[in-house]
Each structure stands twice: as C-alpha cells, then as structure tokens.
PDB file of N, CA and C in Angstrom:
ATOM      1  N   MET A   1     142.361  84.853  57.344  1.00  0.00           N
ATOM      2  CA  MET A   1     141.367  85.481  58.164  1.00  0.00           C
ATOM      3  C   MET A   1     142.116  86.052  59.270  1.00  0.00           C
ATOM      4  N   LYS A   2     141.448  87.288  59.712  1.00  0.00           N
ATOM      5  CA  LYS A   2     142.049  88.024  60.771  1.00  0.00           C
ATOM      6  C   LYS A   2     141.252  88.041  61.975  1.00  0.00           C
ATOM      7  N   LEU A   3     141.793  87.759  63.144  1.00  0.00           N
ATOM      8  CA  LEU A   3     141.156  87.571  64.349  1.00  0.00           C
ATOM      9  C   LEU A   3     140.727  88.813  64.880  1.00  0.00           C
ATOM     10  N   LEU A   4     139.481  88.977  65.108  1.00  0.00           N
ATOM     11  CA  LEU A   4     138.839  90.248  65.501  1.00  0.00           C
ATOM     12  C   LEU A   4     138.269  90.219  66.881  1.00  0.00           C
ATOM     13  N   ALA A   5     137.369  89.162  67.093  1.00  0.00           N
ATOM     14  CA  ALA A   5     136.740  88.908  68.471  1.00  0.00           C
ATOM     15  C   ALA A   5     136.028  90.189  68.855  1.00  0.00           C
ATOM     16  N   LYS A   6     135.147  90.789  67.991  1.00  0.00           N
ATOM     17  CA  LYS A   6     134.382  92.006  68.293  1.00  0.00           C
ATOM     18  C   LYS A   6     132.870  91.482  68.685  1.00  0.00           C
ATOM     19  N   PRO A   7     132.414  92.073  69.622  1.00  0.00           N
ATOM     20  CA  PRO A   7     130.984  91.715  70.011  1.00  0.00           C
ATOM     21  C   PRO A   7     129.967  92.276  68.901  1.00  0.00           C
ATOM     22  N   VAL A   8     128.948  91.519  68.587  1.00  0.00           N
ATOM     23  CA  VAL A   8     128.065  91.950  67.576  1.00  0.00           C
ATOM     24  C   VAL A   8     126.491  91.794  68.118  1.00  0.00           C
ATOM     25  N   ASP A   9     125.666  92.592  67.383  1.00  0.00           N
ATOM     26  CA  ASP A   9     124.153  92.434  67.613  1.00  0.00           C
ATOM     27  C   ASP A   9     123.806  91.458  66.573  1.00  0.00           C
ATOM     28  N   ALA A  10     123.142  90.353  66.920  1.00  0.00           N
ATOM     29  CA  ALA A  10     122.761  89.424  65.777  1.00  0.00           C
ATOM     30  C   ALA A  10     121.317  89.028  65.846  1.00  0.00           C
ATOM     31  N   MET A  11     120.900  88.780  64.733  1.00  0.00           N
ATOM     32  CA  MET A  11     119.498  88.221  64.481  1.00  0.00           C
ATOM     33  C   MET A  11     119.602  86.765  64.098  1.00  0.00           C
ATOM     34  N   VAL A  12     119.018  85.888  64.825  1.00  0.00           N
ATOM     35  CA  VAL A  12     119.149  84.398  64.612  1.00  0.00           C
ATOM     36  C   VAL A  12     117.854  83.706  64.466  1.00  0.00           C
ATOM     37  N   VAL A  13     117.985  82.513  63.906  1.00  0.00           N
ATOM     38  CA  VAL A  13     116.790  81.555  63.667  1.00  0.00           C
ATOM     39  C   VAL A  13     117.146  80.386  64.508  1.00  0.00           C
ATOM     40  N   PHE A  14     116.064  80.075  65.248  1.00  0.00           N
ATOM     41  CA  PHE A  14     116.042  78.801  65.959  1.00  0.00           C
ATOM     42  C   PHE A  14     115.356  77.577  65.363  1.00  0.00           C
ATOM     43  N   ASN A  15     115.662  76.303  65.542  1.00  0.00           N
ATOM     44  CA  ASN A  15     114.833  75.322  64.917  1.00  0.00           C
ATOM     45  C   ASN A  15     113.650  74.967  65.666  1.00  0.00           C
ATOM     46  N   SER A  16     112.803  74.195  65.469  1.00  0.00           N
ATOM     47  CA  SER A  16     111.570  73.937  65.963  1.00  0.00           C
ATOM     48  C   SER A  16     111.764  73.442  67.473  1.00  0.00           C
ATOM     49  N   GLU A  17     112.896  73.026  67.862  1.00  0.00           N
ATOM     50  CA  GLU A  17     113.128  72.426  69.236  1.00  0.00           C
ATOM     51  C   GLU A  17     113.620  73.468  70.071  1.00  0.00           C
ATOM     52  N   GLY A  18     114.022  74.645  69.492  1.00  0.00           N
ATOM     53  CA  GLY A  18     114.507  75.699  70.245  1.00  0.00           C
ATOM     54  C   GLY A  18     115.946  75.642  70.516  1.00  0.00           C
ATOM     55  N   ARG A  19     116.637  74.747  69.708  1.00  0.00           N
ATOM     56  CA  ARG A  19     118.086  74.590  69.890  1.00  0.00           C
ATOM     57  C   ARG A  19     118.940  75.036  68.673  1.00  0.00           C
ATOM     58  N   ASP A  20     120.174  75.143  68.879  1.00  0.00           N
ATOM     59  CA  ASP A  20     120.984  75.413  67.628  1.00  0.00           C
ATOM     60  C   ASP A  20     120.621  76.621  66.957  1.00  0.00           C
ATOM     61  N   PRO A  21     121.066  77.795  67.382  1.00  0.00           N
ATOM     62  CA  PRO A  21     120.546  79.092  66.731  1.00  0.00           C
ATOM     63  C   PRO A  21     121.528  79.196  65.550  1.00  0.00           C
ATOM     64  N   ARG A  22     120.852  79.672  64.451  1.00  0.00           N
ATOM     65  CA  ARG A  22     121.675  79.845  63.102  1.00  0.00           C
ATOM     66  C   ARG A  22     121.690  81.399  62.843  1.00  0.00           C
ATOM     67  N   PRO A  23     122.714  82.029  62.676  1.00  0.00           N
ATOM     68  CA  PRO A  23     122.908  83.500  62.401  1.00  0.00           C
ATOM     69  C   PRO A  23     122.155  83.819  61.112  1.00  0.00           C
ATOM     70  N   TYR A  24     121.306  84.868  61.085  1.00  0.00           N
ATOM     71  CA  TYR A  24     120.691  85.368  59.942  1.00  0.00           C
ATOM     72  C   TYR A  24     121.373  86.551  59.601  1.00  0.00           C
ATOM     73  N   LYS A  25     121.495  87.570  60.380  1.00  0.00           N
ATOM     74  CA  LYS A  25     122.243  88.837  60.073  1.00  0.00           C
ATOM     75  C   LYS A  25     122.693  89.533  61.311  1.00  0.00           C
ATOM     76  N   PHE A  26     123.883  90.356  61.215  1.00  0.00           N
ATOM     77  CA  PHE A  26     124.398  90.773  62.337  1.00  0.00           C
ATOM     78  C   PHE A  26     124.796  92.366  62.130  1.00  0.00           C
ATOM     79  N   LYS A  27     124.819  93.184  63.082  1.00  0.00           N
ATOM     80  CA  LYS A  27     125.370  94.438  63.075  1.00  0.00           C
ATOM     81  C   LYS A  27     126.792  94.690  63.655  1.00  0.00           C
ATOM     82  N   ILE A  28     127.626  95.350  63.030  1.00  0.00           N
ATOM     83  CA  ILE A  28     128.888  95.693  63.594  1.00  0.00           C
ATOM     84  C   ILE A  28     129.205  97.121  63.369  1.00  0.00           C
ATOM     85  N   GLU A  29     129.944  97.671  64.287  1.00  0.00           N
ATOM     86  CA  GLU A  29     130.335  99.165  64.108  1.00  0.00           C
ATOM     87  C   GLU A  29     131.698  99.211  63.234  1.00  0.00           C
ATOM     88  N   GLU A  30     131.705 100.023  62.224  1.00  0.00           N
ATOM     89  CA  GLU A  30     132.902 100.253  61.433  1.00  0.00           C
ATOM     90  C   GLU A  30     133.053 101.652  61.133  1.00  0.00           C
ATOM     91  N   ASN A  31     134.059 102.267  61.470  1.00  0.00           N
ATOM     92  CA  ASN A  31     134.393 103.742  61.298  1.00  0.00           C
ATOM     93  C   ASN A  31     133.284 104.572  61.975  1.00  0.00           C
ATOM     94  N   GLY A  32     132.837 104.136  63.039  1.00  0.00           N
ATOM     95  CA  GLY A  32     131.882 105.021  63.804  1.00  0.00           C
ATOM     96  C   GLY A  32     130.424 104.889  63.362  1.00  0.00           C
ATOM     97  N   GLU A  33     130.222 104.013  62.343  1.00  0.00           N
ATOM     98  CA  GLU A  33     128.759 103.756  61.988  1.00  0.00           C
ATOM     99  C   GLU A  33     128.408 102.355  62.049  1.00  0.00           C
ATOM    100  N   MET A  34     127.133 102.068  62.173  1.00  0.00           N
ATOM    101  CA  MET A  34     126.747 100.712  62.176  1.00  0.00           C
ATOM    102  C   MET A  34     126.453 100.137  60.933  1.00  0.00           C
ATOM    103  N   VAL A  35     126.953  98.820  60.551  1.00  0.00           N
ATOM    104  CA  VAL A  35     126.805  98.260  59.261  1.00  0.00           C
ATOM    105  C   VAL A  35     125.906  96.926  59.490  1.00  0.00           C
ATOM    106  N   THR A  36     124.980  96.680  58.746  1.00  0.00           N
ATOM    107  CA  THR A  36     124.231  95.351  58.821  1.00  0.00           C
ATOM    108  C   THR A  36     124.939  94.406  57.730  1.00  0.00           C
ATOM    109  N   ILE A  37     125.190  93.209  58.144  1.00  0.00           N
ATOM    110  CA  ILE A  37     125.612  92.287  57.014  1.00  0.00           C
ATOM    111  C   ILE A  37     124.724  90.925  57.271  1.00  0.00           C
ATOM    112  N   LYS A  38     124.015  90.586  56.130  1.00  0.00           N
ATOM    113  CA  LYS A  38     123.159  89.501  56.060  1.00  0.00           C
ATOM    114  C   LYS A  38     124.143  88.289  55.817  1.00  0.00           C
ATOM    115  N   VAL A  39     123.925  87.113  56.488  1.00  0.00           N
ATOM    116  CA  VAL A  39     124.751  85.924  56.324  1.00  0.00           C
ATOM    117  C   VAL A  39     124.067  85.113  55.172  1.00  0.00           C
ATOM    118  N   ASP A  40     124.775  85.097  54.142  1.00  0.00           N
ATOM    119  CA  ASP A  40     124.176  84.386  52.805  1.00  0.00           C
ATOM    120  C   ASP A  40     124.182  82.846  53.129  1.00  0.00           C
ATOM    121  N   GLN A  41     125.258  82.297  53.678  1.00  0.00           N
ATOM    122  CA  GLN A  41     125.463  81.063  53.792  1.00  0.00           C
ATOM    123  C   GLN A  41     126.277  80.578  55.067  1.00  0.00           C
ATOM    124  N   VAL A  42     125.765  79.562  55.795  1.00  0.00           N
ATOM    125  CA  VAL A  42     126.431  78.870  56.851  1.00  0.00           C
ATOM    126  C   VAL A  42     127.179  77.689  56.335  1.00  0.00           C
ATOM    127  N   LEU A  43     128.521  77.746  56.232  1.00  0.00           N
ATOM    128  CA  LEU A  43     129.150  76.698  55.584  1.00  0.00           C
ATOM    129  C   LEU A  43     129.416  75.391  56.559  1.00  0.00           C
ATOM    130  N   SER A  44     129.611  75.843  57.942  1.00  0.00           N
ATOM    131  CA  SER A  44     129.672  74.694  58.815  1.00  0.00           C
ATOM    132  C   SER A  44     129.456  75.376  60.195  1.00  0.00           C
ATOM    133  N   SER A  45     129.285  74.432  61.118  1.00  0.00           N
ATOM    134  CA  SER A  45     129.185  74.842  62.575  1.00  0.00           C
ATOM    135  C   SER A  45     129.653  73.553  63.450  1.00  0.00           C
ATOM    136  N   ARG A  46     130.454  74.068  64.563  1.00  0.00           N
ATOM    137  CA  ARG A  46     130.904  72.996  65.491  1.00  0.00           C
ATOM    138  C   ARG A  46     130.825  73.657  66.884  1.00  0.00           C
ATOM    139  N   LYS A  47     130.575  72.717  67.676  1.00  0.00           N
ATOM    140  CA  LYS A  47     130.575  73.115  69.259  1.00  0.00           C
ATOM    141  C   LYS A  47     131.934  72.819  69.767  1.00  0.00           C
ATOM    142  N   THR A  48     132.362  73.888  70.651  1.00  0.00           N
ATOM    143  CA  THR A  48     133.534  73.766  71.250  1.00  0.00           C
ATOM    144  C   THR A  48     133.468  74.156  72.658  1.00  0.00           C
ATOM    145  N   LYS A  49     134.355  73.822  73.470  1.00  0.00           N
ATOM    146  CA  LYS A  49     134.500  74.093  75.125  1.00  0.00           C
ATOM    147  C   LYS A  49     135.640  74.820  75.241  1.00  0.00           C
ATOM    148  N   VAL A  50     135.602  76.003  75.831  1.00  0.00           N
ATOM    149  CA  VAL A  50     136.762  76.736  76.144  1.00  0.00           C
ATOM    150  C   VAL A  50     136.598  77.066  77.687  1.00  0.00           C
ATOM    151  N   CYS A  51     137.508  76.700  78.444  1.00  0.00           N
ATOM    152  CA  CYS A  51     137.579  76.903  79.859  1.00  0.00           C
ATOM    153  C   CYS A  51     136.238  76.499  80.469  1.00  0.00           C
ATOM    154  N   GLY A  52     135.699  75.322  80.010  1.00  0.00           N
ATOM    155  CA  GLY A  52     134.450  74.866  80.523  1.00  0.00           C
ATOM    156  C   GLY A  52     133.192  75.494  80.028  1.00  0.00           C
ATOM    157  N   ALA A  53     133.356  76.530  79.322  1.00  0.00           N
ATOM    158  CA  ALA A  53     132.088  77.240  78.606  1.00  0.00           C
ATOM    159  C   ALA A  53     131.988  76.716  77.260  1.00  0.00           C
ATOM    160  N   GLU A  54     130.600  76.392  76.920  1.00  0.00           N
ATOM    161  CA  GLU A  54     130.215  75.953  75.607  1.00  0.00           C
ATOM    162  C   GLU A  54     130.182  77.090  74.576  1.00  0.00           C
ATOM    163  N   ASN A  55     130.639  76.810  73.535  1.00  0.00           N
ATOM    164  CA  ASN A  55     130.536  77.825  72.289  1.00  0.00           C
ATOM    165  C   ASN A  55     130.055  77.068  71.094  1.00  0.00           C
ATOM    166  N   ILE A  56     129.482  77.929  70.180  1.00  0.00           N
ATOM    167  CA  ILE A  56     129.246  77.264  68.813  1.00  0.00           C
ATOM    168  C   ILE A  56     129.986  78.187  67.848  1.00  0.00           C
ATOM    169  N   LEU A  57     130.809  77.671  66.932  1.00  0.00           N
ATOM    170  CA  LEU A  57     131.490  78.405  66.010  1.00  0.00           C
ATOM    171  C   LEU A  57     130.942  78.207  64.522  1.00  0.00           C
ATOM    172  N   TYR A  58     130.530  79.173  64.031  1.00  0.00           N
ATOM    173  CA  TYR A  58     129.921  79.164  62.730  1.00  0.00           C
ATOM    174  C   TYR A  58     130.836  79.688  61.608  1.00  0.00           C
ATOM    175  N   GLU A  59     131.155  79.003  60.602  1.00  0.00           N
ATOM    176  CA  GLU A  59     131.870  79.407  59.558  1.00  0.00           C
ATOM    177  C   GLU A  59     130.938  79.749  58.378  1.00  0.00           C
ATOM    178  N   CYS A  60     130.947  81.120  57.987  1.00  0.00           N
ATOM    179  CA  CYS A  60     130.037  81.594  57.166  1.00  0.00           C
ATOM    180  C   CYS A  60     130.547  82.398  55.937  1.00  0.00           C
ATOM    181  N   GLN A  61     129.706  82.834  55.066  1.00  0.00           N
ATOM    182  CA  GLN A  61     130.070  83.534  53.848  1.00  0.00           C
ATOM    183  C   GLN A  61     128.952  84.551  53.447  1.00  0.00           C
ATOM    184  N   SER A  62     129.361  85.668  53.122  1.00  0.00           N
ATOM    185  CA  SER A  62     128.418  86.680  52.463  1.00  0.00           C
ATOM    186  C   SER A  62     129.094  87.628  51.409  1.00  0.00           C
ATOM    187  N   THR A  63     128.198  88.306  50.785  1.00  0.00           N
ATOM    188  CA  THR A  63     128.732  89.236  49.711  1.00  0.00           C
ATOM    189  C   THR A  63     128.745  90.621  50.526  1.00  0.00           C
ATOM    190  N   ILE A  64     129.938  91.130  50.787  1.00  0.00           N
ATOM    191  CA  ILE A  64     130.130  92.382  51.350  1.00  0.00           C
ATOM    192  C   ILE A  64     130.893  93.362  50.497  1.00  0.00           C
ATOM    193  N   ASN A  65     130.171  94.409  50.177  1.00  0.00           N
ATOM    194  CA  ASN A  65     130.715  95.414  49.198  1.00  0.00           C
ATOM    195  C   ASN A  65     131.167  94.917  47.935  1.00  0.00           C
ATOM    196  N   GLY A  66     130.344  94.040  47.466  1.00  0.00           N
ATOM    197  CA  GLY A  66     130.537  93.459  46.160  1.00  0.00           C
ATOM    198  C   GLY A  66     131.459  92.247  46.141  1.00  0.00           C
ATOM    199  N   LYS A  67     132.152  91.778  47.262  1.00  0.00           N
ATOM    200  CA  LYS A  67     133.117  90.844  47.275  1.00  0.00           C
ATOM    201  C   LYS A  67     132.677  89.666  48.189  1.00  0.00           C
ATOM    202  N   LEU A  68     132.608  88.445  47.870  1.00  0.00           N
ATOM    203  CA  LEU A  68     132.393  87.156  48.501  1.00  0.00           C
ATOM    204  C   LEU A  68     133.467  87.083  49.662  1.00  0.00           C
ATOM    205  N   ARG A  69     133.078  87.129  51.018  1.00  0.00           N
ATOM    206  CA  ARG A  69     134.081  87.125  52.093  1.00  0.00           C
ATOM    207  C   ARG A  69     133.470  85.964  53.023  1.00  0.00           C
ATOM    208  N   ARG A  70     134.418  85.364  53.488  1.00  0.00           N
ATOM    209  CA  ARG A  70     134.281  84.384  54.708  1.00  0.00           C
ATOM    210  C   ARG A  70     134.546  84.912  55.942  1.00  0.00           C
ATOM    211  N   PHE A  71     133.826  84.457  57.010  1.00  0.00           N
ATOM    212  CA  PHE A  71     134.031  85.057  58.308  1.00  0.00           C
ATOM    213  C   PHE A  71     133.599  83.911  59.270  1.00  0.00           C
ATOM    214  N   GLU A  72     133.990  84.111  60.594  1.00  0.00           N
ATOM    215  CA  GLU A  72     133.429  83.140  61.562  1.00  0.00           C
ATOM    216  C   GLU A  72     132.650  84.015  62.658  1.00  0.00           C
ATOM    217  N   LEU A  73     131.565  83.459  63.052  1.00  0.00           N
ATOM    218  CA  LEU A  73     130.793  83.930  64.167  1.00  0.00           C
ATOM    219  C   LEU A  73     130.965  82.942  65.398  1.00  0.00           C
ATOM    220  N   LYS A  74     130.968  83.511  66.504  1.00  0.00           N
ATOM    221  CA  LYS A  74     130.907  82.798  67.787  1.00  0.00           C
ATOM    222  C   LYS A  74     129.817  83.011  68.726  1.00  0.00           C
ATOM    223  N   TYR A  75     129.076  82.065  69.130  1.00  0.00           N
ATOM    224  CA  TYR A  75     127.960  82.164  70.056  1.00  0.00           C
ATOM    225  C   TYR A  75     128.499  81.495  71.401  1.00  0.00           C
ATOM    226  N   PHE A  76     128.351  82.264  72.325  1.00  0.00           N
ATOM    227  CA  PHE A  76     128.737  81.931  73.814  1.00  0.00           C
ATOM    228  C   PHE A  76     127.379  81.335  74.430  1.00  0.00           C
ATOM    229  N   CYS A  77     127.054  80.186  74.587  1.00  0.00           N
ATOM    230  CA  CYS A  77     125.960  79.673  74.945  1.00  0.00           C
ATOM    231  C   CYS A  77     125.492  80.112  76.439  1.00  0.00           C
ATOM    232  N   SER A  78     126.452  80.094  77.356  1.00  0.00           N
ATOM    233  CA  SER A  78     126.199  80.390  78.847  1.00  0.00           C
ATOM    234  C   SER A  78     125.762  81.972  78.857  1.00  0.00           C
ATOM    235  N   ARG A  79     126.494  82.794  78.097  1.00  0.00           N
ATOM    236  CA  ARG A  79     126.053  84.235  78.254  1.00  0.00           C
ATOM    237  C   ARG A  79     125.241  84.689  77.173  1.00  0.00           C
ATOM    238  N   CYS A  80     124.775  83.958  76.112  1.00  0.00           N
ATOM    239  CA  CYS A  80     123.973  84.399  75.159  1.00  0.00           C
ATOM    240  C   CYS A  80     124.487  85.584  74.369  1.00  0.00           C
ATOM    241  N   VAL A  81     125.795  85.429  73.966  1.00  0.00           N
ATOM    242  CA  VAL A  81     126.386  86.594  73.507  1.00  0.00           C
ATOM    243  C   VAL A  81     127.175  86.119  72.114  1.00  0.00           C
ATOM    244  N   TRP A  82     126.886  86.957  71.016  1.00  0.00           N
ATOM    245  CA  TRP A  82     127.575  86.735  69.777  1.00  0.00           C
ATOM    246  C   TRP A  82     128.826  87.632  69.542  1.00  0.00           C
ATOM    247  N   GLN A  83     129.768  86.977  68.651  1.00  0.00           N
ATOM    248  CA  GLN A  83     130.949  87.794  68.514  1.00  0.00           C
ATOM    249  C   GLN A  83     131.487  87.494  67.078  1.00  0.00           C
ATOM    250  N   LEU A  84     132.056  88.588  66.356  1.00  0.00           N
ATOM    251  CA  LEU A  84     132.493  88.204  65.098  1.00  0.00           C
ATOM    252  C   LEU A  84     133.944  87.950  65.310  1.00  0.00           C
ATOM    253  N   TYR A  85     134.205  86.575  65.204  1.00  0.00           N
ATOM    254  CA  TYR A  85     135.455  86.086  65.684  1.00  0.00           C
ATOM    255  C   TYR A  85     136.680  86.265  64.689  1.00  0.00           C
ATOM    256  N   LYS A  86     136.437  85.992  63.506  1.00  0.00           N
ATOM    257  CA  LYS A  86     137.321  86.104  62.358  1.00  0.00           C
ATOM    258  C   LYS A  86     136.752  86.629  61.216  1.00  0.00           C
ATOM    259  N   MET A  87     137.547  87.445  60.503  1.00  0.00           N
ATOM    260  CA  MET A  87     137.199  88.016  59.072  1.00  0.00           C
ATOM    261  C   MET A  87     138.335  88.088  58.108  1.00  0.00           C
TER     262      MET A  87
END
C-alpha cells in the first residue's frame, strides 16, 4: 500500500451510543474530479495515539473499477477529520 494521507469527505455510521464512527463511503479528488467510493467491508479498526492526539485507523476493502482494493482510513477524533491514509 502507498502512503497518501489525503483529506476526504466521509459519510459515517455511529453506533447507538454515539461512539466509534464506522466509514460508509467517502469522496476523493482524482484527476480533477470527485470520485465516491463505498466501503464494502471494514476488516479491522484500532485506536492509536500520535503526539497525544487520539486517532482511529480503519483497514477496509472495496471494489474499485472492478478490482478488490484494500485501503486505510484514519479518523482524527479531536479535529473530526477523515483521511485516506494508505491505498
């Protein structure tokens, strides 16, 4: 996987307690146009701490352009920001 660290617009689903957002789909700009990718499956998630800031790293997979691709999405809890971390 290649490290990208690109900010993305994400649609997420929260559990009934309002914790642990799960990515549903996200938009990313590729070649000057916005592309929407639906997250088919969340394989794993883990909480990490970098420089004192809590993050949640999601390992996901989706079918993109007819190919099954794995990628990682990162959620920055303190800033409420999503990032396509690796693809």
